Protein backbone atom coordinates (compact mmCIF):
# COMPACT_ATOMS: atom_id res chain seq x y z
CA UNK A 1 -0.04 -0.26 -0.03
CA UNK A 2 1.72 3.18 -1.05
CA UNK A 3 2.10 6.23 1.58
CA UNK A 4 1.75 9.06 -1.19
CA UNK A 5 -1.20 10.69 -1.55
CA UNK A 6 -3.84 10.31 -4.49
CA UNK A 7 -2.99 13.50 -5.67
CA UNK A 8 0.75 12.72 -6.14
CA UNK A 9 -0.25 9.45 -7.29
CA UNK A 10 -2.39 10.54 -9.96
CA UNK A 11 0.17 13.20 -11.45
CA UNK A 12 2.66 10.61 -11.31
CA UNK A 13 -0.18 8.42 -13.18
CA UNK A 14 -0.65 11.01 -15.88
CA UNK A 15 2.81 11.42 -16.68
CA UNK A 16 3.29 14.87 -14.90
CA UNK A 17 6.91 16.25 -15.11
CA UNK A 18 8.99 16.39 -12.07
CA UNK A 19 8.09 19.92 -11.22
CA UNK A 20 4.41 19.60 -10.80
CA UNK A 21 4.71 16.00 -8.61
CA UNK A 22 7.36 18.04 -6.41
CA UNK A 23 5.10 21.32 -6.07
CA UNK A 24 2.07 18.76 -5.13
CA UNK A 25 4.52 16.81 -2.65
CA UNK A 26 5.75 20.18 -1.42
CA UNK A 27 2.67 21.42 -0.60
CA UNK A 28 1.47 18.48 1.03
CA UNK A 29 4.39 18.20 3.04
CA UNK A 30 5.34 22.38 3.84
CA UNK A 31 1.68 23.14 4.03
CA UNK A 32 0.25 26.13 3.04
CA UNK A 33 1.68 29.21 2.21
CA UNK A 34 3.31 30.64 5.84
CA UNK A 35 3.24 34.44 5.19
CA UNK A 36 5.45 35.36 8.06
CA UNK A 37 8.87 34.14 8.42
CA UNK A 38 9.38 31.20 10.65
CA UNK A 39 12.12 29.10 12.45
CA UNK A 40 11.73 25.31 10.98
CA UNK A 41 13.20 22.50 13.26
CA UNK A 42 16.71 23.24 12.44
CA UNK A 43 16.43 26.88 13.05
CA UNK A 44 16.42 28.14 9.42
CA UNK A 45 14.37 31.08 8.91
CA UNK A 46 11.81 29.82 6.39
CA UNK A 47 8.54 30.98 4.75
CA UNK A 48 5.72 30.30 2.15
CA UNK A 49 6.01 26.65 1.49
CA UNK A 50 9.42 25.76 2.71
CA UNK A 51 11.16 28.43 1.07
CA UNK A 52 14.42 29.69 2.86
CA UNK A 53 16.54 31.78 0.53
CA UNK A 54 16.32 35.69 1.38
CA UNK A 55 14.09 34.75 4.30
CA UNK A 56 15.09 36.39 7.85
CA UNK A 57 13.50 36.55 11.04
CA UNK A 58 10.36 39.13 10.87
CA UNK A 59 9.91 39.21 7.05
CA UNK A 60 6.30 39.10 6.06
CA UNK A 61 5.09 38.26 2.40
CA UNK A 62 2.04 38.45 0.34
CA UNK A 63 0.43 35.54 -1.13
CA UNK A 64 1.63 36.86 -4.65
CA UNK A 65 5.36 37.24 -3.32
CA UNK A 66 4.60 34.01 -2.01
CA UNK A 67 3.27 31.96 -5.49
CA UNK A 68 6.63 34.00 -7.32
CA UNK A 69 9.18 32.52 -4.32
CA UNK A 70 7.63 28.88 -4.56
CA UNK A 71 8.26 28.93 -8.22
CA UNK A 72 11.59 30.28 -8.02
CA UNK A 73 12.70 28.07 -4.99
CA UNK A 74 11.22 24.64 -6.90
CA UNK A 75 13.16 26.34 -10.22
CA UNK A 76 16.67 26.57 -8.31
CA UNK A 77 16.17 23.27 -6.88
CA UNK A 78 15.60 21.83 -10.02
CA UNK A 79 19.00 23.53 -11.19
CA UNK A 80 20.56 22.24 -8.10
CA UNK A 81 19.56 18.43 -8.94
CA UNK A 82 20.75 19.15 -12.27
CA UNK A 83 23.80 19.99 -11.33
CA UNK A 84 25.10 17.23 -9.02
CA UNK A 85 23.10 14.26 -10.54
CA UNK A 86 24.85 12.48 -13.40
CA UNK A 87 22.23 9.82 -14.30
CA UNK A 88 18.80 10.20 -16.02
CA UNK A 89 15.80 10.46 -13.75
CA UNK A 90 12.26 9.24 -14.36
CA UNK A 91 9.96 11.80 -13.56
CA UNK A 92 8.83 10.79 -9.98
CA UNK A 93 12.65 9.84 -9.20
CA UNK A 94 13.98 13.51 -10.58
CA UNK A 95 10.77 14.73 -8.01
CA UNK A 96 12.07 12.54 -5.12
CA UNK A 97 15.46 14.29 -5.56
CA UNK A 98 14.31 17.38 -5.60
CA UNK A 99 12.54 17.22 -2.13
CA UNK A 100 15.05 15.46 -0.80
CA UNK A 101 18.07 16.93 -1.84
CA UNK A 102 17.13 20.75 -2.51
CA UNK A 103 14.49 20.89 0.09
CA UNK A 104 15.92 18.87 2.66
CA UNK A 105 19.52 18.10 3.10
CA UNK A 106 20.66 20.96 0.86
CA UNK A 107 22.97 20.09 -2.02
CA UNK A 108 25.82 20.64 -0.27
CA UNK A 109 25.01 17.40 1.79
CA UNK A 110 23.71 15.56 -0.89
CA UNK A 111 26.57 16.06 -2.88
CA UNK A 112 28.36 14.01 -0.39
CA UNK A 113 26.12 11.61 0.51
CA UNK A 114 26.21 7.78 -0.05
CA UNK A 115 22.73 8.27 -1.53
CA UNK A 116 23.95 10.55 -4.29
CA UNK A 117 26.91 8.17 -4.98
CA UNK A 118 24.43 5.10 -5.08
CA UNK A 119 22.21 6.88 -7.39
CA UNK A 120 25.10 8.60 -9.45
CA UNK A 121 26.56 4.83 -10.02
CA UNK A 122 23.13 3.71 -10.97
CA UNK A 123 22.30 1.66 -8.03
CA UNK A 124 18.99 3.07 -8.08
CA UNK A 125 17.23 0.83 -5.22
CA UNK A 126 19.60 1.37 -3.23
CA UNK A 127 20.08 4.93 -3.47
CA UNK A 128 16.72 5.02 -2.72
CA UNK A 129 16.86 3.35 0.42
CA UNK A 130 19.38 5.54 1.57
CA UNK A 131 16.87 8.45 1.82
CA UNK A 132 15.15 6.64 4.88
CA UNK A 133 18.16 6.83 6.80
CA UNK A 134 18.09 10.82 7.37
CA UNK A 135 16.03 10.77 10.09
CA UNK A 136 17.58 13.54 12.43
CA UNK A 137 16.93 17.08 12.71
CA UNK A 138 18.62 19.38 14.71
CA UNK A 139 20.22 16.59 16.52
CA UNK A 140 17.29 14.87 17.27
CA UNK A 141 16.23 11.36 16.08
CA UNK A 142 12.47 11.99 14.75
CA UNK A 143 11.91 7.95 15.20
CA UNK A 144 11.25 9.19 18.77
CA UNK A 145 7.46 10.91 18.75
CA UNK A 146 8.48 12.37 21.63
CA UNK A 147 11.07 14.78 19.79
CA UNK A 148 7.93 16.15 18.00
CA UNK A 149 9.92 15.73 14.33
CA UNK A 150 8.03 12.15 13.28
CA UNK A 151 7.20 14.13 10.21
CA UNK A 152 10.74 13.54 9.03
CA UNK A 153 10.52 9.71 8.97
CA UNK A 154 7.04 9.83 7.19
CA UNK A 155 8.52 12.45 4.55
CA UNK A 156 11.49 9.88 4.25
CA UNK A 157 9.51 6.75 3.43
CA UNK A 158 7.32 9.01 0.85
CA UNK A 159 10.43 10.16 -0.80
CA UNK A 160 11.80 7.00 -0.93
CA UNK A 161 8.59 5.40 -2.35
CA UNK A 162 8.51 8.31 -4.95
CA UNK A 163 12.43 7.39 -6.01
CA UNK A 164 11.05 4.09 -7.14
CA UNK A 165 8.29 4.92 -9.02
CA UNK A 166 9.36 4.94 -12.89
């Protein structure tokens, strides 16, 4: 049984682009646009749907600004994936890498990860499995529900599943 939403699965089945799939997935994971800057679980200032670039304490945004910022961040994330991934990806795989590498652990950490080395070596199943190992947030083990970050565990399972779809 899939852990992905019906909307994400429908986009995959319809042959949607990675950016369309990632946009829906990120909307589900990051929530509705947050118009006031907040600190995420790692203390990073964030707004809209997970946008961090240029966001600082006290920032406020309009819905229109968030729409533009979300699109810009997604396009930038896609470009970052292009820089580090050396193998062709299916649209769902690409969406998973955008979410995992660009939005969550960051391109720098991703570039040095076992996940990326496995992916670029063509070991897709092993790479997708590696995603599930990234379940710590700010030093907290997110498998421990009392650490208030269990959503990371669920997100990693879903990114891993999305990564396995062709």
